[in-house]
């Protein structure tokens, strides 16, 4: 009998959006850690715990810092494009700079998508 190879499926934490590995056997995990499970419990039992509403977005410290740093980088890139345009940069130079700007924006958007996917 041939053994089937187990494919690892990516499941996202329902609280913070971080990936949680799932081997395909047994119940799919909902949370990446005990603390995320606890925060979700507190939210479900309104008034107890931290009092986070359904419309709030929760980011862990590292992810929040990454978001702040990325937004600063995005603003700097936009300012660079503005300066280059005022100084008469060529269209090919501006195209390259705007391509970098779009790439940065997509990276930042992936943070948001990770959180939304966890809540679906």
Protein backbone atom coordinates (compact mmCIF):
# COMPACT_ATOMS: atom_id res chain seq x y z
CA UNK A 1 0.00 0.00 0.00
CA UNK A 2 1.32 3.44 -0.89
CA UNK A 3 1.33 6.13 1.73
CA UNK A 4 -0.27 9.40 0.78
CA UNK A 5 1.91 12.42 1.30
CA UNK A 6 0.32 14.84 3.72
CA UNK A 7 0.18 18.36 2.43
CA UNK A 8 0.48 21.08 5.01
CA UNK A 9 -2.41 23.50 4.71
CA UNK A 10 -2.14 27.05 5.94
CA UNK A 11 -4.79 28.07 8.43
CA UNK A 12 -4.88 31.58 9.88
CA UNK A 13 -5.44 32.45 13.54
CA UNK A 14 -8.97 33.75 14.00
CA UNK A 15 -7.74 36.37 16.46
CA UNK A 16 -4.51 37.85 15.08
CA UNK A 17 -4.30 36.51 11.52
CA UNK A 18 -0.93 34.79 11.93
CA UNK A 19 -0.51 31.51 10.06
CA UNK A 20 -1.15 28.32 12.02
CA UNK A 21 0.18 25.09 10.54
CA UNK A 22 -2.31 22.30 9.98
CA UNK A 23 -1.18 18.88 8.80
CA UNK A 24 -4.58 17.87 7.49
CA UNK A 25 -5.45 15.43 10.27
CA UNK A 26 -7.83 16.13 13.08
CA UNK A 27 -9.58 19.33 13.91
CA UNK A 28 -8.26 22.51 12.31
CA UNK A 29 -6.72 24.83 14.89
CA UNK A 30 -8.45 28.19 15.28
CA UNK A 31 -5.74 30.08 17.16
CA UNK A 32 -1.96 30.30 17.02
CA UNK A 33 -1.48 30.57 20.79
CA UNK A 34 -3.20 30.31 24.13
CA UNK A 35 -3.23 34.09 24.47
CA UNK A 36 -5.11 34.48 21.17
CA UNK A 37 -7.61 31.85 22.27
CA UNK A 38 -8.06 33.73 25.56
CA UNK A 39 -8.57 37.12 23.83
CA UNK A 40 -11.19 35.54 21.57
CA UNK A 41 -12.95 34.06 24.60
CA UNK A 42 -12.95 37.45 26.31
CA UNK A 43 -14.39 39.11 23.24
CA UNK A 44 -17.16 36.52 22.96
CA UNK A 45 -18.13 37.11 26.58
CA UNK A 46 -18.73 40.86 26.28
CA UNK A 47 -17.73 43.09 29.14
CA UNK A 48 -15.17 40.63 30.42
CA UNK A 49 -11.55 41.25 29.65
CA UNK A 50 -10.29 43.82 27.19
CA UNK A 51 -13.58 44.99 25.68
CA UNK A 52 -12.64 44.85 22.00
CA UNK A 53 -15.52 45.32 19.58
CA UNK A 54 -16.12 43.32 16.40
CA UNK A 55 -15.04 46.27 14.25
CA UNK A 56 -11.62 46.59 15.95
CA UNK A 57 -8.51 45.18 14.31
CA UNK A 58 -5.92 43.54 16.53
CA UNK A 59 -2.26 43.45 15.54
CA UNK A 60 0.51 41.94 17.62
CA UNK A 61 3.42 44.20 18.53
CA UNK A 62 5.79 43.04 15.79
CA UNK A 63 3.13 43.29 13.10
CA UNK A 64 2.03 46.74 14.32
CA UNK A 65 5.64 47.97 14.30
CA UNK A 66 6.09 46.55 10.79
CA UNK A 67 2.95 48.42 9.70
CA UNK A 68 4.19 51.73 11.16
CA UNK A 69 7.64 51.30 9.60
CA UNK A 70 6.13 50.36 6.24
CA UNK A 71 3.82 53.37 6.23
CA UNK A 72 6.82 55.63 6.94
CA UNK A 73 8.70 53.98 4.06
CA UNK A 74 5.66 54.47 1.79
CA UNK A 75 5.43 58.17 2.67
CA UNK A 76 9.15 58.65 2.00
CA UNK A 77 8.80 56.95 -1.39
CA UNK A 78 5.87 59.22 -2.28
CA UNK A 79 7.88 62.29 -1.23
CA UNK A 80 10.81 61.08 -3.38
CA UNK A 81 8.50 60.83 -6.40
CA UNK A 82 7.15 64.32 -5.73
CA UNK A 83 10.68 65.74 -5.47
CA UNK A 84 11.83 63.91 -8.60
CA UNK A 85 8.86 65.22 -10.58
CA UNK A 86 9.56 68.80 -9.44
CA UNK A 87 13.22 68.42 -10.41
CA UNK A 88 12.34 67.25 -13.93
CA UNK A 89 12.94 63.50 -13.71
CA UNK A 90 12.35 61.55 -16.90
CA UNK A 91 9.20 59.53 -17.37
CA UNK A 92 11.18 56.27 -17.17
CA UNK A 93 12.69 57.36 -13.83
CA UNK A 94 9.26 58.28 -12.50
CA UNK A 95 7.82 54.99 -13.79
CA UNK A 96 10.47 53.02 -11.90
CA UNK A 97 9.83 55.02 -8.73
CA UNK A 98 6.06 54.61 -8.94
CA UNK A 99 6.54 50.87 -9.52
CA UNK A 100 8.44 50.72 -6.22
CA UNK A 101 5.68 52.72 -4.56
CA UNK A 102 3.01 50.29 -5.76
CA UNK A 103 5.11 47.36 -4.55
CA UNK A 104 5.41 48.93 -1.08
CA UNK A 105 1.66 49.56 -0.98
CA UNK A 106 0.96 45.91 -1.87
CA UNK A 107 3.25 44.73 0.93
CA UNK A 108 1.37 46.91 3.40
CA UNK A 109 -1.96 45.69 2.03
CA UNK A 110 -0.90 42.09 2.71
CA UNK A 111 -0.94 42.89 6.43
CA UNK A 112 -4.58 43.94 6.16
CA UNK A 113 -5.49 40.93 4.04
CA UNK A 114 -3.97 38.57 6.59
CA UNK A 115 -6.23 40.01 9.27
CA UNK A 116 -9.34 39.91 7.06
CA UNK A 117 -8.70 36.30 6.04
CA UNK A 118 -8.51 35.34 9.69
CA UNK A 119 -11.93 36.85 10.33
CA UNK A 120 -13.67 35.04 7.44
